[in-house]
Amino acid sequence: MHDGDQVEALEVAFAAHARRRPDQAAEAAEFATLLRDPVDPFLRARLAGHFTASAWLVDRSRTRVLLTHHRKLGLWLQPGGHADGDRDLCRVALREAEEESGLAGLRADPEVFDLDRHWIPDHRDVPGHWHYDVRYVVHAGEGERYVVGPESIALAWRDVREVRDDDRADPSLRRMARLWLSP
């Protein structure tokens, strides 16, 4: 797919997400607007904010999610990272899940699962900026033994119900856990 086709596919995906999740219609519209920004929103050099993608990485039983204790942020979060020019954000989420977990045989659902715009504080020579994070469900394959990589302090499989009920957990993690558990 060409870059223009990928952008159009994301516009369609954001509109579909807004129909499935009316509670995120405003976010979907905001993310769709960012797609047409004259400064490439798929590059981290766009310090006003840029796209990232992450994975709600579930085990084969669909009852646990793999979380990473993020080295820079010091929080337990889902695996994810910068688009770095890649306009296929589902592919970015899958790649980040593979890189951060060391798991092979992962597969991603193509539809957007969740959208989250969040502030990233200053770190070294990079000023604070917004991440427009597009989240996808990624399924573990046969093996579920992860490898802790350099971006993480630790990784852990967590029961989704425990994440939902954990008042100390990141609010967007709790939102995704509620969504995952809803019929």
C-alpha atoms as a PDB file:
ATOM      1  CA  MET A   1       0.000   0.000   0.000  1.00  0.00           C
ATOM      2  CA  HIS A   2       1.228   3.508  -0.785  1.00  0.00           C
ATOM      3  CA  ASP A   3       1.430   6.181   1.914  1.00  0.00           C
ATOM      4  CA  GLY A   4      -1.735   7.901   0.658  1.00  0.00           C
ATOM      5  CA  ASP A   5      -3.598   4.602   0.699  1.00  0.00           C
ATOM      6  CA  GLN A   6      -2.435   3.944   4.273  1.00  0.00           C
ATOM      7  CA  VAL A   7      -3.668   7.375   5.375  1.00  0.00           C
ATOM      8  CA  GLU A   8      -7.042   6.745   3.724  1.00  0.00           C
ATOM      9  CA  ALA A   9      -7.209   3.308   5.374  1.00  0.00           C
ATOM     10  CA  LEU A  10      -6.601   4.956   8.755  1.00  0.00           C
ATOM     11  CA  GLU A  11      -9.328   7.526   8.085  1.00  0.00           C
ATOM     12  CA  VAL A  12     -11.726   4.653   7.393  1.00  0.00           C
ATOM     13  CA  ALA A  13     -10.491   2.792  10.491  1.00  0.00           C
ATOM     14  CA  PHE A  14     -10.984   5.849  12.729  1.00  0.00           C
ATOM     15  CA  ALA A  15     -14.528   6.371  11.364  1.00  0.00           C
ATOM     16  CA  ALA A  16     -15.343   2.692  11.947  1.00  0.00           C
ATOM     17  CA  HIS A  17     -13.930   2.927  15.470  1.00  0.00           C
ATOM     18  CA  ALA A  18     -16.151   5.958  16.186  1.00  0.00           C
ATOM     19  CA  ARG A  19     -19.214   3.964  15.058  1.00  0.00           C
ATOM     20  CA  ARG A  20     -18.259   0.961  17.253  1.00  0.00           C
ATOM     21  CA  ARG A  21     -17.230   3.138  20.186  1.00  0.00           C
ATOM     22  CA  PRO A  22     -19.341   6.315  20.324  1.00  0.00           C
ATOM     23  CA  ASP A  23     -17.582   7.147  23.614  1.00  0.00           C
ATOM     24  CA  GLN A  24     -14.408   7.677  21.539  1.00  0.00           C
ATOM     25  CA  ALA A  25     -15.955   9.557  18.600  1.00  0.00           C
ATOM     26  CA  ALA A  26     -14.238  12.815  19.611  1.00  0.00           C
ATOM     27  CA  GLU A  27     -10.853  11.087  19.834  1.00  0.00           C
ATOM     28  CA  ALA A  28     -11.419   9.398  16.470  1.00  0.00           C
ATOM     29  CA  ALA A  29     -12.175  12.771  14.871  1.00  0.00           C
ATOM     30  CA  GLU A  30      -9.082  14.331  16.476  1.00  0.00           C
ATOM     31  CA  PHE A  31      -6.868  11.463  15.266  1.00  0.00           C
ATOM     32  CA  ALA A  32      -8.362  11.711  11.748  1.00  0.00           C
ATOM     33  CA  THR A  33      -7.602  15.433  11.684  1.00  0.00           C
ATOM     34  CA  LEU A  34      -3.986  14.761  12.660  1.00  0.00           C
ATOM     35  CA  LEU A  35      -3.621  12.485   9.603  1.00  0.00           C
ATOM     36  CA  ARG A  36      -3.841  15.536   7.307  1.00  0.00           C
ATOM     37  CA  ASP A  37      -1.408  17.745   9.222  1.00  0.00           C
ATOM     38  CA  PRO A  38       1.150  19.331   6.872  1.00  0.00           C
ATOM     39  CA  VAL A  39       3.977  18.322   9.249  1.00  0.00           C
ATOM     40  CA  ASP A  40       4.250  14.525   9.055  1.00  0.00           C
ATOM     41  CA  PRO A  41       2.476  13.163  12.167  1.00  0.00           C
ATOM     42  CA  PHE A  42       4.094   9.738  11.698  1.00  0.00           C
ATOM     43  CA  LEU A  43       7.523  11.106  12.625  1.00  0.00           C
ATOM     44  CA  ARG A  44       8.605  11.712  16.204  1.00  0.00           C
ATOM     45  CA  ALA A  45      10.269  14.945  15.050  1.00  0.00           C
ATOM     46  CA  ARG A  46       6.774  16.507  15.018  1.00  0.00           C
ATOM     47  CA  LEU A  47       6.993  17.732  18.597  1.00  0.00           C
ATOM     48  CA  ALA A  48       3.458  19.110  18.658  1.00  0.00           C
ATOM     49  CA  GLY A  49       2.434  15.439  18.766  1.00  0.00           C
ATOM     50  CA  HIS A  50       2.759  12.310  16.658  1.00  0.00           C
ATOM     51  CA  PHE A  51       1.322   8.849  16.139  1.00  0.00           C
ATOM     52  CA  THR A  52       2.358   5.867  18.181  1.00  0.00           C
ATOM     53  CA  ALA A  53       0.843   2.397  18.222  1.00  0.00           C
ATOM     54  CA  SER A  54       0.511  -0.158  20.954  1.00  0.00           C
ATOM     55  CA  ALA A  55      -0.702  -3.673  21.592  1.00  0.00           C
ATOM     56  CA  TRP A  56      -3.308  -5.046  23.971  1.00  0.00           C
ATOM     57  CA  LEU A  57      -1.374  -8.335  23.954  1.00  0.00           C
ATOM     58  CA  VAL A  58      -3.581 -11.170  25.209  1.00  0.00           C
ATOM     59  CA  ASP A  59      -2.702 -14.772  25.944  1.00  0.00           C
ATOM     60  CA  ARG A  60      -4.344 -17.753  24.262  1.00  0.00           C
ATOM     61  CA  SER A  61      -6.952 -18.017  27.016  1.00  0.00           C
ATOM     62  CA  ARG A  62      -7.864 -14.349  26.417  1.00  0.00           C
ATOM     63  CA  THR A  63      -7.841 -13.791  30.205  1.00  0.00           C
ATOM     64  CA  ARG A  64      -4.368 -12.277  30.657  1.00  0.00           C
ATOM     65  CA  VAL A  65      -2.608  -9.303  29.117  1.00  0.00           C
ATOM     66  CA  LEU A  66       1.165  -8.804  28.845  1.00  0.00           C
ATOM     67  CA  LEU A  67       2.335  -5.551  30.404  1.00  0.00           C
ATOM     68  CA  THR A  68       5.732  -3.921  30.399  1.00  0.00           C
ATOM     69  CA  HIS A  69       7.220  -1.924  33.253  1.00  0.00           C
ATOM     70  CA  HIS A  70       8.350   0.953  31.054  1.00  0.00           C
ATOM     71  CA  ARG A  71      11.924   2.037  31.741  1.00  0.00           C
ATOM     72  CA  LYS A  72      11.514   5.757  30.863  1.00  0.00           C
ATOM     73  CA  LEU A  73       8.060   6.304  32.341  1.00  0.00           C
ATOM     74  CA  GLY A  74       8.286   3.951  35.329  1.00  0.00           C
ATOM     75  CA  LEU A  75       4.733   2.695  34.710  1.00  0.00           C
ATOM     76  CA  TRP A  76       3.162  -0.653  33.836  1.00  0.00           C
ATOM     77  CA  LEU A  77       1.811  -0.220  30.309  1.00  0.00           C
ATOM     78  CA  GLN A  78       1.010  -2.149  27.172  1.00  0.00           C
ATOM     79  CA  PRO A  79       3.868  -2.655  24.671  1.00  0.00           C
ATOM     80  CA  GLY A  80       4.074   0.038  22.017  1.00  0.00           C
ATOM     81  CA  GLY A  81       6.150   2.672  20.352  1.00  0.00           C
ATOM     82  CA  HIS A  82       6.672   5.301  17.681  1.00  0.00           C
ATOM     83  CA  ALA A  83       5.482   4.935  14.106  1.00  0.00           C
ATOM     84  CA  ASP A  84       8.818   6.337  12.837  1.00  0.00           C
ATOM     85  CA  GLY A  85       7.369   7.022   9.390  1.00  0.00           C
ATOM     86  CA  ASP A  86       5.354   3.794   9.082  1.00  0.00           C
ATOM     87  CA  ARG A  87       1.753   4.640   8.227  1.00  0.00           C
ATOM     88  CA  ASP A  88       0.495   1.101   8.900  1.00  0.00           C
ATOM     89  CA  LEU A  89      -0.128   1.505  12.614  1.00  0.00           C
ATOM     90  CA  CYS A  90      -1.397  -2.049  13.047  1.00  0.00           C
ATOM     91  CA  ARG A  91       1.965  -3.255  11.745  1.00  0.00           C
ATOM     92  CA  VAL A  92       3.712  -0.872  14.151  1.00  0.00           C
ATOM     93  CA  ALA A  93       1.747  -2.291  17.107  1.00  0.00           C
ATOM     94  CA  LEU A  94       2.585  -5.851  16.069  1.00  0.00           C
ATOM     95  CA  ARG A  95       6.269  -5.025  15.568  1.00  0.00           C
ATOM     96  CA  GLU A  96       6.501  -3.288  18.944  1.00  0.00           C
ATOM     97  CA  ALA A  97       4.784  -6.228  20.669  1.00  0.00           C
ATOM     98  CA  GLU A  98       7.282  -8.634  19.093  1.00  0.00           C
ATOM     99  CA  GLU A  99      10.303  -6.452  19.894  1.00  0.00           C
ATOM    100  CA  GLU A 100       9.314  -5.702  23.481  1.00  0.00           C
ATOM    101  CA  SER A 101       8.158  -9.213  24.391  1.00  0.00           C
ATOM    102  CA  GLY A 102      10.436 -11.488  22.377  1.00  0.00           C
ATOM    103  CA  LEU A 103       7.335 -13.542  21.559  1.00  0.00           C
ATOM    104  CA  ALA A 104       7.018 -15.160  18.141  1.00  0.00           C
ATOM    105  CA  GLY A 105       3.859 -16.103  16.272  1.00  0.00           C
ATOM    106  CA  LEU A 106       1.859 -13.040  17.312  1.00  0.00           C
ATOM    107  CA  ARG A 107      -1.089 -11.884  15.221  1.00  0.00           C
ATOM    108  CA  ALA A 108      -2.956  -8.596  15.317  1.00  0.00           C
ATOM    109  CA  ASP A 109      -6.626  -7.849  14.791  1.00  0.00           C
ATOM    110  CA  PRO A 110      -6.785  -5.198  12.050  1.00  0.00           C
ATOM    111  CA  GLU A 111      -9.421  -2.952  13.614  1.00  0.00           C
ATOM    112  CA  VAL A 112      -8.609  -0.214  16.095  1.00  0.00           C
ATOM    113  CA  PHE A 113      -9.282  -1.340  19.678  1.00  0.00           C
ATOM    114  CA  ASP A 114      -8.710   1.942  21.552  1.00  0.00           C
ATOM    115  CA  LEU A 115      -7.438   5.485  21.058  1.00  0.00           C
ATOM    116  CA  ASP A 116      -5.542   7.482  23.640  1.00  0.00           C
ATOM    117  CA  ARG A 117      -3.903  10.902  23.492  1.00  0.00           C
ATOM    118  CA  HIS A 118      -1.466  11.298  26.373  1.00  0.00           C
ATOM    119  CA  TRP A 119       1.323  13.639  27.426  1.00  0.00           C
ATOM    120  CA  ILE A 120       4.922  12.431  27.477  1.00  0.00           C
ATOM    121  CA  PRO A 121       7.105  14.495  29.829  1.00  0.00           C
ATOM    122  CA  ASP A 122      10.538  15.927  28.975  1.00  0.00           C
ATOM    123  CA  HIS A 123      13.229  13.269  28.783  1.00  0.00           C
ATOM    124  CA  ARG A 124      16.891  14.142  28.242  1.00  0.00           C
ATOM    125  CA  ASP A 125      17.010  16.366  25.138  1.00  0.00           C
ATOM    126  CA  VAL A 126      13.416  15.676  23.999  1.00  0.00           C
ATOM    127  CA  PRO A 127      10.820  18.189  25.185  1.00  0.00           C
ATOM    128  CA  GLY A 128       7.414  17.066  26.420  1.00  0.00           C
ATOM    129  CA  HIS A 129       4.951  16.211  23.663  1.00  0.00           C
ATOM    130  CA  TRP A 130       1.699  14.419  22.856  1.00  0.00           C
ATOM    131  CA  HIS A 131       1.402  10.808  21.781  1.00  0.00           C
ATOM    132  CA  TYR A 132      -1.621   9.924  19.681  1.00  0.00           C
ATOM    133  CA  ASP A 133      -1.651   6.226  20.507  1.00  0.00           C
ATOM    134  CA  VAL A 134      -3.634   3.821  18.337  1.00  0.00           C
ATOM    135  CA  ARG A 135      -4.149   0.508  20.128  1.00  0.00           C
ATOM    136  CA  TYR A 136      -4.730  -2.897  18.525  1.00  0.00           C
ATOM    137  CA  VAL A 137      -5.497  -6.302  19.985  1.00  0.00           C
ATOM    138  CA  VAL A 138      -2.550  -8.654  19.489  1.00  0.00           C
ATOM    139  CA  HIS A 139      -2.886 -12.358  20.222  1.00  0.00           C
ATOM    140  CA  ALA A 140      -0.093 -14.541  21.588  1.00  0.00           C
ATOM    141  CA  GLY A 141       0.744 -17.701  19.682  1.00  0.00           C
ATOM    142  CA  GLU A 142       1.794 -21.055  21.095  1.00  0.00           C
ATOM    143  CA  GLY A 143       4.648 -19.760  23.235  1.00  0.00           C
ATOM    144  CA  GLU A 144       4.008 -17.296  26.025  1.00  0.00           C
ATOM    145  CA  ARG A 145       7.501 -17.107  27.529  1.00  0.00           C
ATOM    146  CA  TYR A 146       8.591 -13.532  27.070  1.00  0.00           C
ATOM    147  CA  VAL A 147      12.049 -11.960  27.063  1.00  0.00           C
ATOM    148  CA  VAL A 148      12.606  -8.648  28.854  1.00  0.00           C
ATOM    149  CA  GLY A 149      14.199  -6.196  26.430  1.00  0.00           C
ATOM    150  CA  PRO A 150      16.120  -2.957  26.975  1.00  0.00           C
ATOM    151  CA  GLU A 151      13.013  -0.735  26.977  1.00  0.00           C
ATOM    152  CA  SER A 152      11.517  -2.537  29.967  1.00  0.00           C
ATOM    153  CA  ILE A 153      12.390  -3.037  33.596  1.00  0.00           C
ATOM    154  CA  ALA A 154      10.142  -6.112  33.643  1.00  0.00           C
ATOM    155  CA  LEU A 155       7.299  -7.840  31.809  1.00  0.00           C
ATOM    156  CA  ALA A 156       4.372  -9.687  33.364  1.00  0.00           C
ATOM    157  CA  TRP A 157       1.214 -11.482  32.350  1.00  0.00           C
ATOM    158  CA  ARG A 158      -1.632  -9.916  34.350  1.00  0.00           C
ATOM    159  CA  ASP A 159      -5.186 -11.131  34.737  1.00  0.00           C
ATOM    160  CA  VAL A 160      -7.403  -8.669  32.845  1.00  0.00           C
ATOM    161  CA  ARG A 161      -9.891  -8.532  35.734  1.00  0.00           C
ATOM    162  CA  GLU A 162      -7.082  -7.559  38.105  1.00  0.00           C
ATOM    163  CA  VAL A 163      -6.022  -4.753  35.742  1.00  0.00           C
ATOM    164  CA  ARG A 164      -9.626  -3.527  35.540  1.00  0.00           C
ATOM    165  CA  ASP A 165      -9.911  -3.444  39.329  1.00  0.00           C
ATOM    166  CA  ASP A 166      -6.463  -2.003  40.130  1.00  0.00           C
ATOM    167  CA  ASP A 167      -6.917   1.614  41.255  1.00  0.00           C
ATOM    168  CA  ARG A 168      -3.155   2.174  40.837  1.00  0.00           C
ATOM    169  CA  ALA A 169      -3.143   1.075  37.185  1.00  0.00           C
ATOM    170  CA  ASP A 170      -2.936   3.572  34.352  1.00  0.00           C
ATOM    171  CA  PRO A 171      -6.501   4.793  33.608  1.00  0.00           C
ATOM    172  CA  SER A 172      -6.243   3.870  29.927  1.00  0.00           C
ATOM    173  CA  LEU A 173      -5.191   0.311  30.879  1.00  0.00           C
ATOM    174  CA  ARG A 174      -8.245   0.045  33.091  1.00  0.00           C
ATOM    175  CA  ARG A 175     -10.424   1.381  30.255  1.00  0.00           C
ATOM    176  CA  MET A 176      -9.032  -1.249  27.854  1.00  0.00           C
ATOM    177  CA  ALA A 177      -9.552  -3.987  30.464  1.00  0.00           C
ATOM    178  CA  ARG A 178     -13.200  -2.911  30.898  1.00  0.00           C
ATOM    179  CA  LEU A 179     -13.644  -2.892  27.139  1.00  0.00           C
ATOM    180  CA  TRP A 180     -12.020  -6.316  26.764  1.00  0.00           C
ATOM    181  CA  LEU A 181     -14.286  -7.790  29.435  1.00  0.00           C
ATOM    182  CA  SER A 182     -17.497  -6.223  28.129  1.00  0.00           C
ATOM    183  CA  PRO A 183     -19.819  -8.478  26.149  1.00  0.00           C
END
